[in-house]
Amino acid sequence: MFAVGMITLGVAGTANGYAGAPLSPARDRARAIDPSGVTMPVGDLPGWKQTFRDDFRTDVPLGEFPGAVHRTWSAYSEGWRDTSRNGTYSPGRVISVHDGVMDMHLRTVGGEHLVAAPSPRLQGPGSQQGQLYGRYAVRYRADPVRGYKIAWLLWPDSEKWSDGEINFPEGELGGKVFAFMHHRGNPDEQDWYATRARLSDWHTAVIEWTPRKVRFLLDDVVVGVSKDPDLIPRVPMHWVLQSETALDVRRPEASASGHVEVDWIAAYRRG
């Protein structure tokens, strides 16, 4: 069975203070602590038990990621090629933590297009494994850098694409935000959902993955829901903030350079 969905989401200012809303004096004070103006959620939610969170309050200079935070973070290894085969994963040269954000500086150095894919250790120090089902929230923005994209995903611990894949947010930097669920058993087929939201603005993206549905929310608005339990992934998956070269350009220009910023992330298991 093949199902495709599409929902268009507006991003005008809302009362909850997400993208487009003016900051009040109270939110100006909050912004000194939380760069995006929205505070990281702490604690459980109805139906969800919080298992991981990070609001990046401890600085990590270039060259020290993930070693300085190895108990809570890993990353695709130095020198691996990215999905397009044009970029080189280099967490030490790309990722730093400062001013309350994880900063991924995508750029070209010595002819190499440097990218990164950090991954939170959802099962604790030393573990590379993910969890079966869960809720995943991330607060982020990205500079409009031609030739690069983000495809932040839940990837099977089995390393078998046939077990499915869940991507959100995904999109070319400077473009719009999309969500995808690649079908279990036939991942070339997928449900997909489009928005009018720009990656260059601060947004909060949430994946809610259960045995019977996968829900995608952007700034508390439902973007799309995949409901066929026969297509939903059923194996443990780990969370990867894959930030890399785009697929539809031959190679990024050497002058292309910019930053992907993460204010905070939080993960939950079913309660």
Protein backbone atom coordinates (compact mmCIF):
# COMPACT_ATOMS: atom_id res chain seq x y z
CA MET A 1 0.00 0.00 0.00
CA PHE A 2 1.35 3.43 -0.96
CA ALA A 3 0.05 6.61 0.65
CA VAL A 4 1.18 10.16 0.08
CA GLY A 5 -0.09 13.10 2.08
CA MET A 6 0.54 16.82 1.89
CA ILE A 7 -0.43 19.56 4.31
CA THR A 8 0.55 23.19 3.95
CA LEU A 9 1.37 25.02 7.16
CA GLY A 10 1.42 28.79 7.61
CA VAL A 11 4.01 30.31 9.91
CA ALA A 12 2.49 33.62 10.91
CA GLY A 13 3.03 34.79 14.49
CA THR A 14 1.14 32.85 17.13
CA ALA A 15 0.24 33.43 20.73
CA ASN A 16 2.68 30.78 21.96
CA GLY A 17 5.63 32.86 20.79
CA TYR A 18 6.90 30.63 17.99
CA ALA A 19 8.25 31.89 14.68
CA GLY A 20 7.02 35.30 13.65
CA ALA A 21 5.71 36.46 17.02
CA PRO A 22 7.19 39.67 18.54
CA LEU A 23 9.13 39.24 21.75
CA SER A 24 7.78 40.74 24.95
CA PRO A 25 10.14 42.16 27.62
CA ALA A 26 9.79 38.87 29.51
CA ARG A 27 10.77 36.95 26.38
CA ASP A 28 13.70 39.32 25.80
CA ARG A 29 15.00 38.22 29.21
CA ALA A 30 14.37 34.58 28.31
CA ARG A 31 16.30 35.03 25.07
CA ALA A 32 19.43 35.87 27.04
CA ILE A 33 19.23 32.29 28.33
CA ASP A 34 17.47 30.60 25.41
CA PRO A 35 18.74 31.95 22.08
CA SER A 36 15.54 31.06 20.24
CA GLY A 37 13.31 32.63 22.90
CA VAL A 38 11.66 29.29 23.71
CA THR A 39 12.72 27.32 26.78
CA MET A 40 13.58 23.63 26.63
CA PRO A 41 10.82 21.39 28.03
CA VAL A 42 11.82 19.67 31.27
CA GLY A 43 9.96 16.66 32.64
CA ASP A 44 7.36 14.19 31.48
CA LEU A 45 4.33 14.91 29.29
CA PRO A 46 0.99 13.08 29.31
CA GLY A 47 1.74 9.68 27.83
CA TRP A 48 5.47 10.38 27.48
CA LYS A 49 8.44 9.85 29.82
CA GLN A 50 11.39 12.18 29.17
CA THR A 51 14.59 10.20 28.62
CA PHE A 52 17.04 12.78 27.21
CA ARG A 53 17.42 16.54 27.01
CA ASP A 54 20.19 19.02 26.24
CA ASP A 55 20.00 22.82 26.09
CA PHE A 56 23.73 23.28 25.39
CA ARG A 57 24.79 25.29 28.41
CA THR A 58 28.38 23.90 28.42
CA ASP A 59 30.68 25.34 25.75
CA VAL A 60 32.56 22.93 23.46
CA PRO A 61 35.11 24.57 21.13
CA LEU A 62 35.82 23.35 17.60
CA GLY A 63 38.00 20.28 17.68
CA GLU A 64 36.52 18.83 20.87
CA PHE A 65 33.19 17.39 19.67
CA PRO A 66 32.12 14.72 20.43
CA GLY A 67 35.00 13.87 22.76
CA ALA A 68 34.19 16.57 25.31
CA VAL A 69 30.58 15.35 25.57
CA HIS A 70 31.09 11.68 24.73
CA ARG A 71 28.78 10.52 27.54
CA THR A 72 25.79 12.21 25.90
CA TRP A 73 26.69 12.57 22.20
CA SER A 74 28.25 10.63 19.36
CA ALA A 75 28.59 11.54 15.67
CA TYR A 76 29.23 10.02 12.27
CA SER A 77 32.96 9.40 12.11
CA GLU A 78 35.59 11.74 10.71
CA GLY A 79 36.13 11.14 7.00
CA TRP A 80 32.90 9.31 6.19
CA ARG A 81 31.20 10.45 3.00
CA ASP A 82 27.70 11.88 3.22
CA THR A 83 24.59 10.75 1.32
CA SER A 84 25.41 12.63 -1.90
CA ARG A 85 29.05 11.49 -1.65
CA ASN A 86 30.11 15.13 -2.09
CA GLY A 87 30.48 15.99 1.59
CA THR A 88 32.84 14.76 4.30
CA TYR A 89 31.60 14.19 7.84
CA SER A 90 33.93 16.04 10.19
CA PRO A 91 32.38 16.60 13.63
CA GLY A 92 35.58 18.05 15.06
CA ARG A 93 35.85 20.73 12.38
CA VAL A 94 32.12 21.46 12.07
CA ILE A 95 30.47 21.24 15.50
CA SER A 96 30.91 23.55 18.46
CA VAL A 97 28.72 24.58 21.39
CA HIS A 98 28.59 28.24 22.43
CA ASP A 99 26.11 30.89 23.54
CA GLY A 100 23.51 28.23 24.32
CA VAL A 101 23.44 26.52 20.90
CA MET A 102 24.98 23.58 19.13
CA ASP A 103 26.51 25.20 16.05
CA MET A 104 27.25 23.23 12.87
CA HIS A 105 29.41 25.39 10.57
CA LEU A 106 28.98 23.93 7.07
CA ARG A 107 31.65 25.09 4.64
CA THR A 108 34.47 24.11 2.28
CA VAL A 109 38.06 23.81 3.56
CA GLY A 110 40.90 22.67 1.32
CA GLY A 111 38.44 21.42 -1.27
CA GLU A 112 36.46 19.35 1.25
CA HIS A 113 32.79 20.15 1.85
CA LEU A 114 32.56 19.73 5.62
CA VAL A 115 29.33 18.40 7.15
CA ALA A 116 28.28 16.67 10.37
CA ALA A 117 25.74 14.26 11.85
CA PRO A 118 25.63 14.37 15.67
CA SER A 119 23.55 11.79 17.49
CA PRO A 120 22.32 11.93 21.10
CA ARG A 121 23.00 8.84 23.21
CA LEU A 122 19.40 8.03 24.07
CA GLN A 123 20.34 4.91 26.05
CA GLY A 124 23.08 6.53 28.12
CA PRO A 125 26.88 6.69 28.11
CA GLY A 126 28.62 4.35 25.72
CA SER A 127 25.47 3.27 23.90
CA GLN A 128 24.87 3.87 20.21
CA GLN A 129 21.38 2.38 20.36
CA GLY A 130 18.07 4.16 20.07
CA GLN A 131 14.65 3.21 21.36
CA LEU A 132 11.48 1.58 20.07
CA TYR A 133 8.90 4.36 19.55
CA GLY A 134 9.10 7.75 21.20
CA ARG A 135 8.68 11.50 21.00
CA TYR A 136 11.51 13.64 19.60
CA ALA A 137 11.55 17.45 19.85
CA VAL A 138 14.18 19.86 18.53
CA ARG A 139 14.39 23.65 18.40
CA TYR A 140 16.50 24.81 15.44
CA ARG A 141 17.25 27.24 12.61
CA ALA A 142 19.68 27.30 9.66
CA ASP A 143 21.39 29.88 7.46
CA PRO A 144 20.38 29.75 3.76
CA VAL A 145 23.49 27.98 2.43
CA ARG A 146 23.16 26.84 -1.18
CA GLY A 147 24.20 23.27 -1.77
CA TYR A 148 23.52 21.98 1.75
CA LYS A 149 20.51 20.45 3.51
CA ILE A 150 19.35 18.89 6.74
CA ALA A 151 17.73 15.47 6.96
CA TRP A 152 17.30 14.84 10.68
CA LEU A 153 16.08 11.32 11.07
CA LEU A 154 15.27 8.26 13.06
CA TRP A 155 17.42 5.50 11.58
CA PRO A 156 17.07 1.76 12.38
CA ASP A 157 19.55 0.32 14.90
CA SER A 158 19.58 -2.68 12.54
CA GLU A 159 21.21 -0.42 9.89
CA LYS A 160 18.71 -1.90 7.40
CA TRP A 161 16.80 0.69 5.36
CA SER A 162 14.12 -1.95 4.75
CA ASP A 163 13.11 -1.45 8.40
CA GLY A 164 11.97 2.09 7.49
CA GLU A 165 13.09 5.63 8.26
CA ILE A 166 11.45 8.77 9.70
CA ASN A 167 12.72 12.23 8.67
CA PHE A 168 11.75 15.57 10.20
CA PRO A 169 12.74 18.31 9.72
CA GLU A 170 14.19 17.85 6.25
CA GLY A 171 14.93 20.38 3.52
CA GLU A 172 17.55 22.32 1.62
CA LEU A 173 18.99 25.23 3.55
CA GLY A 174 17.23 28.37 2.41
CA GLY A 175 14.18 26.30 1.50
CA LYS A 176 11.10 24.94 3.20
CA VAL A 177 10.51 22.26 5.80
CA PHE A 178 9.32 18.75 4.86
CA ALA A 179 8.51 15.55 6.74
CA PHE A 180 8.85 11.98 5.46
CA MET A 181 8.08 8.47 6.67
CA HIS A 182 9.75 5.79 4.55
CA HIS A 183 7.64 2.62 4.59
CA ARG A 184 8.72 -0.44 6.49
CA GLY A 185 9.40 -3.21 4.00
CA ASN A 186 9.55 -0.87 0.99
CA PRO A 187 11.39 2.32 1.96
CA ASP A 188 11.48 3.62 -1.62
CA GLU A 189 7.82 4.45 -0.96
CA GLN A 190 7.01 7.13 1.58
CA ASP A 191 4.40 9.37 3.11
CA TRP A 192 5.46 13.00 2.82
CA TYR A 193 4.19 16.32 4.09
CA ALA A 194 5.13 19.84 3.00
CA THR A 195 4.99 23.12 4.88
CA ARG A 196 5.51 26.78 4.00
CA ALA A 197 7.86 27.21 6.97
CA ARG A 198 11.42 28.32 6.22
CA LEU A 199 14.43 26.59 7.73
CA SER A 200 16.01 30.00 8.27
CA ASP A 201 13.50 30.81 11.06
CA TRP A 202 13.45 29.34 14.55
CA HIS A 203 11.05 26.38 14.73
CA THR A 204 10.25 23.48 17.02
CA ALA A 205 9.87 20.17 15.18
CA VAL A 206 8.35 17.13 16.90
CA ILE A 207 8.06 13.50 15.81
CA GLU A 208 5.63 11.30 17.75
CA TRP A 209 6.17 7.65 16.79
CA THR A 210 3.86 4.95 18.12
CA PRO A 211 2.88 1.48 16.81
CA ARG A 212 -0.26 2.85 15.15
CA LYS A 213 0.75 6.27 13.86
CA VAL A 214 3.55 8.76 13.25
CA ARG A 215 2.66 12.39 13.88
CA PHE A 216 4.71 15.37 12.72
CA LEU A 217 4.24 18.75 14.45
CA LEU A 218 5.86 22.09 13.68
CA ASP A 219 5.43 24.81 16.31
CA ASP A 220 2.55 22.87 17.90
CA VAL A 221 0.68 22.54 14.58
CA VAL A 222 0.16 19.08 13.08
CA VAL A 223 1.91 18.87 9.71
CA GLY A 224 0.84 15.33 8.89
CA VAL A 225 -0.06 11.93 10.33
CA SER A 226 0.85 8.51 8.92
CA LYS A 227 -1.68 5.98 10.19
CA ASP A 228 -1.10 2.64 8.47
CA PRO A 229 0.46 0.37 11.14
CA ASP A 230 1.67 -2.05 8.44
CA LEU A 231 3.98 0.67 7.07
CA ILE A 232 5.25 2.20 10.31
CA PRO A 233 8.77 1.17 11.45
CA ARG A 234 8.73 -1.45 14.21
CA VAL A 235 12.38 -1.69 15.28
CA PRO A 236 14.48 0.47 17.65
CA MET A 237 15.80 3.58 15.94
CA HIS A 238 18.43 6.15 16.88
CA TRP A 239 18.17 9.90 16.32
CA VAL A 240 20.67 11.60 13.99
CA LEU A 241 20.85 15.34 13.19
CA GLN A 242 22.23 14.70 9.70
CA SER A 243 23.39 18.00 8.15
CA GLU A 244 25.07 17.52 4.79
CA THR A 245 25.41 18.41 1.11
CA ALA A 246 22.25 18.54 -0.97
CA LEU A 247 21.35 15.85 -3.49
CA ASP A 248 20.23 18.04 -6.40
CA VAL A 249 23.45 20.00 -7.01
CA ARG A 250 26.70 18.63 -8.39
CA ARG A 251 28.84 20.12 -5.62
CA PRO A 252 28.45 23.16 -3.34
CA GLU A 253 30.37 26.25 -4.34
CA ALA A 254 33.56 26.72 -2.36
CA SER A 255 32.29 30.08 -1.09
CA ALA A 256 29.10 28.60 0.37
CA SER A 257 29.27 28.81 4.15
CA GLY A 258 26.80 29.06 7.02
CA HIS A 259 25.53 27.70 10.30
CA VAL A 260 22.88 25.27 11.49
CA GLU A 261 21.94 26.05 15.10
CA VAL A 262 20.17 23.88 17.67
CA ASP A 263 18.86 25.60 20.81
CA TRP A 264 17.74 22.38 22.53
CA ILE A 265 16.57 18.83 22.00
CA ALA A 266 14.42 16.50 24.10
CA ALA A 267 13.48 12.84 23.71
CA TYR A 268 10.78 10.73 25.36
CA ARG A 269 9.67 7.12 25.52
CA ARG A 270 6.06 6.04 25.71
CA GLY A 271 4.78 6.43 29.23
